[in-house]
Amino acid sequence: MAPSTGRKRGGCPHRYFALGEVIYEMATGQPPFSGKNRASLIAAILTAVPHSITQLQPMAPPALERVAQKMFGERSEERWQSAERSVQ
């Protein structure tokens, strides 16, 4: 769940946040955020910064790290607003 999902703003940048989570987990073998229950997981998403992909997997390309970090922007405005912008 993207931090901005509960704020009911237009657009769909929360999908890019979810894609960032998938990329992160595929690259590292672990989720970017964790918690013992839903409340602690949501708190982690809102406050924690995931460990660097390249720190956990040194062979991962730095570009992958930059993509995931961009997708994890706390505010939806910090994430890509369209798939077209993500490939530029």
PDB file of N, CA and C in Angstrom:
ATOM      1  N   MET A   1       0.843  -1.171   0.000  1.00  0.00           N
ATOM      2  CA  MET A   1       0.000   0.000   0.000  1.00  0.00           C
ATOM      3  C   MET A   1       0.887   1.232   0.000  1.00  0.00           C
ATOM      4  N   ALA A   2       0.684   2.101  -0.942  1.00  0.00           N
ATOM      5  CA  ALA A   2       1.454   3.334  -1.012  1.00  0.00           C
ATOM      6  C   ALA A   2       1.030   4.274   0.107  1.00  0.00           C
ATOM      7  N   PRO A   3       1.952   5.077   0.628  1.00  0.00           N
ATOM      8  CA  PRO A   3       1.602   6.000   1.701  1.00  0.00           C
ATOM      9  C   PRO A   3       0.478   6.951   1.319  1.00  0.00           C
ATOM     10  N   SER A   4       0.374   7.311   0.053  1.00  0.00           N
ATOM     11  CA  SER A   4      -0.644   8.266  -0.377  1.00  0.00           C
ATOM     12  C   SER A   4      -1.988   7.624  -0.688  1.00  0.00           C
ATOM     13  N   THR A   5      -2.101   6.308  -0.619  1.00  0.00           N
ATOM     14  CA  THR A   5      -3.341   5.623  -0.989  1.00  0.00           C
ATOM     15  C   THR A   5      -4.519   6.085  -0.143  1.00  0.00           C
ATOM     16  N   GLY A   6      -4.316   6.254   1.131  1.00  0.00           N
ATOM     17  CA  GLY A   6      -5.396   6.651   2.023  1.00  0.00           C
ATOM     18  C   GLY A   6      -5.813   8.093   1.884  1.00  0.00           C
ATOM     19  N   ARG A   7      -5.112   8.865   1.094  1.00  0.00           N
ATOM     20  CA  ARG A   7      -5.428  10.284   0.961  1.00  0.00           C
ATOM     21  C   ARG A   7      -6.414  10.565  -0.168  1.00  0.00           C
ATOM     22  N   LYS A   8      -6.768   9.553  -0.943  1.00  0.00           N
ATOM     23  CA  LYS A   8      -7.801   9.636  -1.983  1.00  0.00           C
ATOM     24  C   LYS A   8      -7.536  10.730  -3.014  1.00  0.00           C
ATOM     25  N   ARG A   9      -6.309  10.822  -3.491  1.00  0.00           N
ATOM     26  CA  ARG A   9      -5.998  11.773  -4.556  1.00  0.00           C
ATOM     27  C   ARG A   9      -6.165  11.082  -5.896  1.00  0.00           C
ATOM     28  N   GLY A  10      -6.304  11.880  -6.929  1.00  0.00           N
ATOM     29  CA  GLY A  10      -6.489  11.329  -8.261  1.00  0.00           C
ATOM     30  C   GLY A  10      -5.235  10.666  -8.793  1.00  0.00           C
ATOM     31  N   GLY A  11      -5.367  10.003  -9.935  1.00  0.00           N
ATOM     32  CA  GLY A  11      -4.229   9.359 -10.574  1.00  0.00           C
ATOM     33  C   GLY A  11      -3.975   7.968 -10.016  1.00  0.00           C
ATOM     34  N   CYS A  12      -2.900   7.363 -10.472  1.00  0.00           N
ATOM     35  CA  CYS A  12      -2.609   6.007 -10.021  1.00  0.00           C
ATOM     36  C   CYS A  12      -1.137   5.787  -9.710  1.00  0.00           C
ATOM     37  N   PRO A  13      -0.408   6.778  -9.145  1.00  0.00           N
ATOM     38  CA  PRO A  13       0.990   6.552  -8.811  1.00  0.00           C
ATOM     39  C   PRO A  13       1.180   5.469  -7.753  1.00  0.00           C
ATOM     40  N   HIS A  14       0.116   5.102  -7.034  1.00  0.00           N
ATOM     41  CA  HIS A  14       0.247   4.017  -6.059  1.00  0.00           C
ATOM     42  C   HIS A  14       0.574   2.697  -6.761  1.00  0.00           C
ATOM     43  N   ARG A  15       0.222   2.585  -8.021  1.00  0.00           N
ATOM     44  CA  ARG A  15       0.587   1.371  -8.768  1.00  0.00           C
ATOM     45  C   ARG A  15       2.095   1.286  -8.953  1.00  0.00           C
ATOM     46  N   TYR A  16       2.739   2.422  -9.123  1.00  0.00           N
ATOM     47  CA  TYR A  16       4.195   2.426  -9.265  1.00  0.00           C
ATOM     48  C   TYR A  16       4.866   2.082  -7.935  1.00  0.00           C
ATOM     49  N   PHE A  17       4.259   2.494  -6.833  1.00  0.00           N
ATOM     50  CA  PHE A  17       4.768   2.101  -5.519  1.00  0.00           C
ATOM     51  C   PHE A  17       4.709   0.582  -5.399  1.00  0.00           C
ATOM     52  N   ALA A  18       3.583  -0.003  -5.776  1.00  0.00           N
ATOM     53  CA  ALA A  18       3.435  -1.460  -5.713  1.00  0.00           C
ATOM     54  C   ALA A  18       4.440  -2.153  -6.632  1.00  0.00           C
ATOM     55  N   LEU A  19       4.668  -1.598  -7.803  1.00  0.00           N
ATOM     56  CA  LEU A  19       5.664  -2.168  -8.716  1.00  0.00           C
ATOM     57  C   LEU A  19       7.058  -2.083  -8.095  1.00  0.00           C
ATOM     58  N   GLY A  20       7.343  -0.986  -7.417  1.00  0.00           N
ATOM     59  CA  GLY A  20       8.614  -0.856  -6.713  1.00  0.00           C
ATOM     60  C   GLY A  20       8.779  -1.932  -5.656  1.00  0.00           C
ATOM     61  N   GLU A  21       7.699  -2.251  -4.958  1.00  0.00           N
ATOM     62  CA  GLU A  21       7.754  -3.325  -3.958  1.00  0.00           C
ATOM     63  C   GLU A  21       8.080  -4.667  -4.613  1.00  0.00           C
ATOM     64  N   VAL A  22       7.469  -4.939  -5.742  1.00  0.00           N
ATOM     65  CA  VAL A  22       7.717  -6.192  -6.462  1.00  0.00           C
ATOM     66  C   VAL A  22       9.168  -6.254  -6.947  1.00  0.00           C
ATOM     67  N   ILE A  23       9.638  -5.166  -7.535  1.00  0.00           N
ATOM     68  CA  ILE A  23      11.029  -5.123  -8.006  1.00  0.00           C
ATOM     69  C   ILE A  23      11.984  -5.351  -6.851  1.00  0.00           C
ATOM     70  N   TYR A  24      11.741  -4.677  -5.739  1.00  0.00           N
ATOM     71  CA  TYR A  24      12.607  -4.803  -4.568  1.00  0.00           C
ATOM     72  C   TYR A  24      12.645  -6.249  -4.077  1.00  0.00           C
ATOM     73  N   GLU A  25      11.476  -6.859  -3.952  1.00  0.00           N
ATOM     74  CA  GLU A  25      11.422  -8.233  -3.448  1.00  0.00           C
ATOM     75  C   GLU A  25      12.047  -9.222  -4.432  1.00  0.00           C
ATOM     76  N   MET A  26      11.871  -9.003  -5.717  1.00  0.00           N
ATOM     77  CA  MET A  26      12.495  -9.893  -6.699  1.00  0.00           C
ATOM     78  C   MET A  26      14.021  -9.780  -6.640  1.00  0.00           C
ATOM     79  N   ALA A  27      14.520  -8.576  -6.411  1.00  0.00           N
ATOM     80  CA  ALA A  27      15.967  -8.351  -6.402  1.00  0.00           C
ATOM     81  C   ALA A  27      16.627  -8.815  -5.103  1.00  0.00           C
ATOM     82  N   THR A  28      15.908  -8.692  -3.983  1.00  0.00           N
ATOM     83  CA  THR A  28      16.529  -8.974  -2.687  1.00  0.00           C
ATOM     84  C   THR A  28      16.043 -10.253  -2.023  1.00  0.00           C
ATOM     85  N   GLY A  29      14.886 -10.745  -2.444  1.00  0.00           N
ATOM     86  CA  GLY A  29      14.323 -11.931  -1.804  1.00  0.00           C
ATOM     87  C   GLY A  29      13.572 -11.633  -0.523  1.00  0.00           C
ATOM     88  N   GLN A  30      13.360 -10.353  -0.235  1.00  0.00           N
ATOM     89  CA  GLN A  30      12.605  -9.972   0.957  1.00  0.00           C
ATOM     90  C   GLN A  30      11.798  -8.721   0.666  1.00  0.00           C
ATOM     91  N   PRO A  31      10.691  -8.531   1.368  1.00  0.00           N
ATOM     92  CA  PRO A  31       9.881  -7.342   1.124  1.00  0.00           C
ATOM     93  C   PRO A  31      10.597  -6.087   1.626  1.00  0.00           C
ATOM     94  N   PRO A  32      10.301  -4.943   1.029  1.00  0.00           N
ATOM     95  CA  PRO A  32      10.958  -3.707   1.456  1.00  0.00           C
ATOM     96  C   PRO A  32      10.510  -3.233   2.836  1.00  0.00           C
ATOM     97  N   PHE A  33       9.311  -3.585   3.225  1.00  0.00           N
ATOM     98  CA  PHE A  33       8.754  -3.178   4.513  1.00  0.00           C
ATOM     99  C   PHE A  33       8.203  -4.407   5.212  1.00  0.00           C
ATOM    100  N   SER A  34       8.312  -4.436   6.518  1.00  0.00           N
ATOM    101  CA  SER A  34       7.748  -5.572   7.251  1.00  0.00           C
ATOM    102  C   SER A  34       7.182  -5.089   8.576  1.00  0.00           C
ATOM    103  N   GLY A  35       6.310  -5.908   9.127  1.00  0.00           N
ATOM    104  CA  GLY A  35       5.702  -5.630  10.417  1.00  0.00           C
ATOM    105  C   GLY A  35       5.090  -6.891  10.969  1.00  0.00           C
ATOM    106  N   LYS A  36       4.910  -6.929  12.268  1.00  0.00           N
ATOM    107  CA  LYS A  36       4.340  -8.113  12.912  1.00  0.00           C
ATOM    108  C   LYS A  36       2.839  -8.225  12.675  1.00  0.00           C
ATOM    109  N   ASN A  37       2.195  -7.113  12.380  1.00  0.00           N
ATOM    110  CA  ASN A  37       0.762  -7.109  12.096  1.00  0.00           C
ATOM    111  C   ASN A  37       0.487  -5.984  11.098  1.00  0.00           C
ATOM    112  N   ARG A  38      -0.748  -5.830  10.696  1.00  0.00           N
ATOM    113  CA  ARG A  38      -1.076  -4.825   9.682  1.00  0.00           C
ATOM    114  C   ARG A  38      -0.740  -3.412  10.135  1.00  0.00           C
ATOM    115  N   ALA A  39      -1.030  -3.111  11.386  1.00  0.00           N
ATOM    116  CA  ALA A  39      -0.768  -1.764  11.889  1.00  0.00           C
ATOM    117  C   ALA A  39       0.725  -1.446  11.853  1.00  0.00           C
ATOM    118  N   SER A  40       1.562  -2.387  12.270  1.00  0.00           N
ATOM    119  CA  SER A  40       3.010  -2.128  12.253  1.00  0.00           C
ATOM    120  C   SER A  40       3.553  -2.106  10.824  1.00  0.00           C
ATOM    121  N   LEU A  41       2.955  -2.867   9.921  1.00  0.00           N
ATOM    122  CA  LEU A  41       3.354  -2.828   8.515  1.00  0.00           C
ATOM    123  C   LEU A  41       3.023  -1.467   7.912  1.00  0.00           C
ATOM    124  N   ILE A  42       1.834  -0.969   8.173  1.00  0.00           N
ATOM    125  CA  ILE A  42       1.446   0.353   7.667  1.00  0.00           C
ATOM    126  C   ILE A  42       2.349   1.428   8.246  1.00  0.00           C
ATOM    127  N   ALA A  43       2.665   1.323   9.535  1.00  0.00           N
ATOM    128  CA  ALA A  43       3.578   2.288  10.163  1.00  0.00           C
ATOM    129  C   ALA A  43       4.949   2.246   9.493  1.00  0.00           C
ATOM    130  N   ALA A  44       5.427   1.055   9.162  1.00  0.00           N
ATOM    131  CA  ALA A  44       6.723   0.926   8.485  1.00  0.00           C
ATOM    132  C   ALA A  44       6.682   1.563   7.107  1.00  0.00           C
ATOM    133  N   ILE A  45       5.613   1.364   6.374  1.00  0.00           N
ATOM    134  CA  ILE A  45       5.473   1.954   5.043  1.00  0.00           C
ATOM    135  C   ILE A  45       5.487   3.475   5.134  1.00  0.00           C
ATOM    136  N   LEU A  46       4.848   4.003   6.166  1.00  0.00           N
ATOM    137  CA  LEU A  46       4.758   5.457   6.314  1.00  0.00           C
ATOM    138  C   LEU A  46       6.032   6.096   6.847  1.00  0.00           C
ATOM    139  N   THR A  47       6.853   5.338   7.575  1.00  0.00           N
ATOM    140  CA  THR A  47       7.993   5.961   8.253  1.00  0.00           C
ATOM    141  C   THR A  47       9.363   5.381   7.910  1.00  0.00           C
ATOM    142  N   ALA A  48       9.428   4.138   7.517  1.00  0.00           N
ATOM    143  CA  ALA A  48      10.724   3.489   7.326  1.00  0.00           C
ATOM    144  C   ALA A  48      11.265   3.693   5.909  1.00  0.00           C
ATOM    145  N   VAL A  49      12.561   3.623   5.800  1.00  0.00           N
ATOM    146  CA  VAL A  49      13.235   3.643   4.500  1.00  0.00           C
ATOM    147  C   VAL A  49      13.807   2.244   4.296  1.00  0.00           C
ATOM    148  N   PRO A  50      13.448   1.573   3.188  1.00  0.00           N
ATOM    149  CA  PRO A  50      13.963   0.216   2.976  1.00  0.00           C
ATOM    150  C   PRO A  50      15.478   0.206   2.825  1.00  0.00           C
ATOM    151  N   HIS A  51      16.087  -0.897   3.193  1.00  0.00           N
ATOM    152  CA  HIS A  51      17.523  -1.076   2.985  1.00  0.00           C
ATOM    153  C   HIS A  51      17.811  -0.973   1.498  1.00  0.00           C
ATOM    154  N   SER A  52      18.971  -0.520   1.170  1.00  0.00           N
ATOM    155  CA  SER A  52      19.392  -0.384  -0.215  1.00  0.00           C
ATOM    156  C   SER A  52      19.434  -1.758  -0.895  1.00  0.00           C
ATOM    157  N   ILE A  53      18.911  -1.827  -2.103  1.00  0.00           N
ATOM    158  CA  ILE A  53      18.960  -3.070  -2.876  1.00  0.00           C
ATOM    159  C   ILE A  53      20.407  -3.487  -3.081  1.00  0.00           C
ATOM    160  N   THR A  54      21.250  -2.528  -3.438  1.00  0.00           N
ATOM    161  CA  THR A  54      22.646  -2.854  -3.716  1.00  0.00           C
ATOM    162  C   THR A  54      23.411  -3.219  -2.442  1.00  0.00           C
ATOM    163  N   GLN A  55      22.931  -2.799  -1.289  1.00  0.00           N
ATOM    164  CA  GLN A  55      23.539  -3.211  -0.028  1.00  0.00           C
ATOM    165  C   GLN A  55      23.215  -4.677   0.256  1.00  0.00           C
ATOM    166  N   LEU A  56      21.979  -5.068  -0.045  1.00  0.00           N
ATOM    167  CA  LEU A  56      21.559  -6.447   0.191  1.00  0.00           C
ATOM    168  C   LEU A  56      22.026  -7.386  -0.917  1.00  0.00           C
ATOM    169  N   GLN A  57      22.090  -6.875  -2.137  1.00  0.00           N
ATOM    170  CA  GLN A  57      22.519  -7.657  -3.303  1.00  0.00           C
ATOM    171  C   GLN A  57      23.538  -6.832  -4.085  1.00  0.00           C
ATOM    172  N   PRO A  58      24.824  -6.929  -3.726  1.00  0.00           N
ATOM    173  CA  PRO A  58      25.843  -6.093  -4.370  1.00  0.00           C
ATOM    174  C   PRO A  58      25.923  -6.244  -5.892  1.00  0.00           C
ATOM    175  N   MET A  59      25.474  -7.350  -6.426  1.00  0.00           N
ATOM    176  CA  MET A  59      25.525  -7.549  -7.871  1.00  0.00           C
ATOM    177  C   MET A  59      24.367  -6.861  -8.607  1.00  0.00           C
ATOM    178  N   ALA A  60      23.398  -6.342  -7.872  1.00  0.00           N
ATOM    179  CA  ALA A  60      22.266  -5.657  -8.499  1.00  0.00           C
ATOM    180  C   ALA A  60      22.752  -4.361  -9.145  1.00  0.00           C
ATOM    181  N   PRO A  61      22.240  -4.042 -10.322  1.00  0.00           N
ATOM    182  CA  PRO A  61      22.673  -2.809 -10.980  1.00  0.00           C
ATOM    183  C   PRO A  61      22.192  -1.568 -10.219  1.00  0.00           C
ATOM    184  N   PRO A  62      23.027  -0.550 -10.123  1.00  0.00           N
ATOM    185  CA  PRO A  62      22.627   0.685  -9.429  1.00  0.00           C
ATOM    186  C   PRO A  62      21.366   1.317 -10.025  1.00  0.00           C
ATOM    187  N   ALA A  63      21.145   1.144 -11.323  1.00  0.00           N
ATOM    188  CA  ALA A  63      19.940   1.697 -11.951  1.00  0.00           C
ATOM    189  C   ALA A  63      18.681   1.086 -11.345  1.00  0.00           C
ATOM    190  N   LEU A  64      18.736  -0.181 -10.992  1.00  0.00           N
ATOM    191  CA  LEU A  64      17.589  -0.836 -10.364  1.00  0.00           C
ATOM    192  C   LEU A  64      17.291  -0.189  -9.019  1.00  0.00           C
ATOM    193  N   GLU A  65      18.324   0.142  -8.285  1.00  0.00           N
ATOM    194  CA  GLU A  65      18.174   0.842  -7.010  1.00  0.00           C
ATOM    195  C   GLU A  65      17.481   2.192  -7.214  1.00  0.00           C
ATOM    196  N   ARG A  66      17.913   2.936  -8.217  1.00  0.00           N
ATOM    197  CA  ARG A  66      17.319   4.253  -8.479  1.00  0.00           C
ATOM    198  C   ARG A  66      15.846   4.135  -8.868  1.00  0.00           C
ATOM    199  N   VAL A  67      15.527   3.135  -9.667  1.00  0.00           N
ATOM    200  CA  VAL A  67      14.131   2.925 -10.077  1.00  0.00           C
ATOM    201  C   VAL A  67      13.266   2.622  -8.859  1.00  0.00           C
ATOM    202  N   ALA A  68      13.702   1.696  -8.022  1.00  0.00           N
ATOM    203  CA  ALA A  68      12.917   1.323  -6.844  1.00  0.00           C
ATOM    204  C   ALA A  68      12.753   2.513  -5.909  1.00  0.00           C
ATOM    205  N   GLN A  69      13.814   3.269  -5.678  1.00  0.00           N
ATOM    206  CA  GLN A  69      13.726   4.419  -4.778  1.00  0.00           C
ATOM    207  C   GLN A  69      12.754   5.467  -5.316  1.00  0.00           C
ATOM    208  N   LYS A  70      12.753   5.682  -6.613  1.00  0.00           N
ATOM    209  CA  LYS A  70      11.818   6.631  -7.222  1.00  0.00           C
ATOM    210  C   LYS A  70      10.379   6.155  -7.017  1.00  0.00           C
ATOM    211  N   MET A  71      10.161   4.854  -7.125  1.00  0.00           N
ATOM    212  CA  MET A  71       8.818   4.300  -6.956  1.00  0.00           C
ATOM    213  C   MET A  71       8.363   4.319  -5.503  1.00  0.00           C
ATOM    214  N   PHE A  72       9.308   4.409  -4.561  1.00  0.00           N
ATOM    215  CA  PHE A  72       8.963   4.443  -3.148  1.00  0.00           C
ATOM    216  C   PHE A  72       8.757   5.852  -2.616  1.00  0.00           C
ATOM    217  N   GLY A  73       8.669   6.839  -3.478  1.00  0.00           N
ATOM    218  CA  GLY A  73       8.464   8.211  -3.013  1.00  0.00           C
ATOM    219  C   GLY A  73       7.299   8.280  -2.035  1.00  0.00           C
ATOM    220  N   GLU A  74       7.502   9.002  -0.927  1.00  0.00           N
ATOM    221  CA  GLU A  74       6.471   9.070   0.117  1.00  0.00           C
ATOM    222  C   GLU A  74       5.191   9.722  -0.400  1.00  0.00           C
ATOM    223  N   ARG A  75       5.354  10.812  -1.134  1.00  0.00           N
ATOM    224  CA  ARG A  75       4.187  11.488  -1.709  1.00  0.00           C
ATOM    225  C   ARG A  75       4.029  11.032  -3.151  1.00  0.00           C
ATOM    226  N   SER A  76       2.797  10.946  -3.599  1.00  0.00           N
ATOM    227  CA  SER A  76       2.559  10.473  -4.965  1.00  0.00           C
ATOM    228  C   SER A  76       3.236  11.372  -5.994  1.00  0.00           C
ATOM    229  N   GLU A  77       3.418  12.659  -5.674  1.00  0.00           N
ATOM    230  CA  GLU A  77       4.069  13.573  -6.607  1.00  0.00           C
ATOM    231  C   GLU A  77       5.545  13.221  -6.803  1.00  0.00           C
ATOM    232  N   GLU A  78       6.136  12.512  -5.855  1.00  0.00           N
ATOM    233  CA  GLU A  78       7.538  12.122  -5.959  1.00  0.00           C
ATOM    234  C   GLU A  78       7.728  10.908  -6.856  1.00  0.00           C
ATOM    235  N   ARG A  79       6.658  10.151  -7.086  1.00  0.00           N
ATOM    236  CA  ARG A  79       6.736   8.973  -7.945  1.00  0.00           C
ATOM    237  C   ARG A  79       6.394   9.357  -9.368  1.00  0.00           C
ATOM    238  N   TRP A  80       6.739   8.492 -10.305  1.00  0.00           N
ATOM    239  CA  TRP A  80       6.368   8.745 -11.680  1.00  0.00           C
ATOM    240  C   TRP A  80       4.852   8.822 -11.783  1.00  0.00           C
ATOM    241  N   GLN A  81       4.392   9.676 -12.657  1.00  0.00           N
ATOM    242  CA  GLN A  81       2.959   9.860 -12.830  1.00  0.00           C
ATOM    243  C   GLN A  81       2.412   9.061 -14.003  1.00  0.00           C
ATOM    244  N   SER A  82       3.316   8.513 -14.824  1.00  0.00           N
ATOM    245  CA  SER A  82       2.873   7.715 -15.952  1.00  0.00           C
ATOM    246  C   SER A  82       3.988   6.741 -16.327  1.00  0.00           C
ATOM    247  N   ALA A  83       3.622   5.694 -17.016  1.00  0.00           N
ATOM    248  CA  ALA A  83       4.620   4.717 -17.477  1.00  0.00           C
ATOM    249  C   ALA A  83       5.562   5.369 -18.485  1.00  0.00           C
ATOM    250  N   GLU A  84       5.063   6.316 -19.245  1.00  0.00           N
ATOM    251  CA  GLU A  84       5.899   7.003 -20.225  1.00  0.00           C
ATOM    252  C   GLU A  84       7.054   7.728 -19.537  1.00  0.00           C
ATOM    253  N   ARG A  85       6.805   8.377 -18.414  1.00  0.00           N
ATOM    254  CA  ARG A  85       7.852   9.101 -17.700  1.00  0.00           C
ATOM    255  C   ARG A  85       8.868   8.153 -17.060  1.00  0.00           C
ATOM    256  N   SER A  86       8.442   6.955 -16.742  1.00  0.00           N
ATOM    257  CA  SER A  86       9.348   6.019 -16.069  1.00  0.00           C
ATOM    258  C   SER A  86      10.440   5.494 -17.000  1.00  0.00           C
ATOM    259  N   VAL A  87      10.236   5.565 -18.308  1.00  0.00           N
ATOM    260  CA  VAL A  87      11.243   5.060 -19.238  1.00  0.00           C
ATOM    261  C   VAL A  87      12.084   6.175 -19.848  1.00  0.00           C
ATOM    262  N   GLN A  88      11.830   7.396 -19.473  1.00  0.00           N
ATOM    263  CA  GLN A  88      12.610   8.528 -20.016  1.00  0.00           C
ATOM    264  C   GLN A  88      13.893   8.717 -19.239  1.00  0.00           C
TER     265      GLN A  88
END
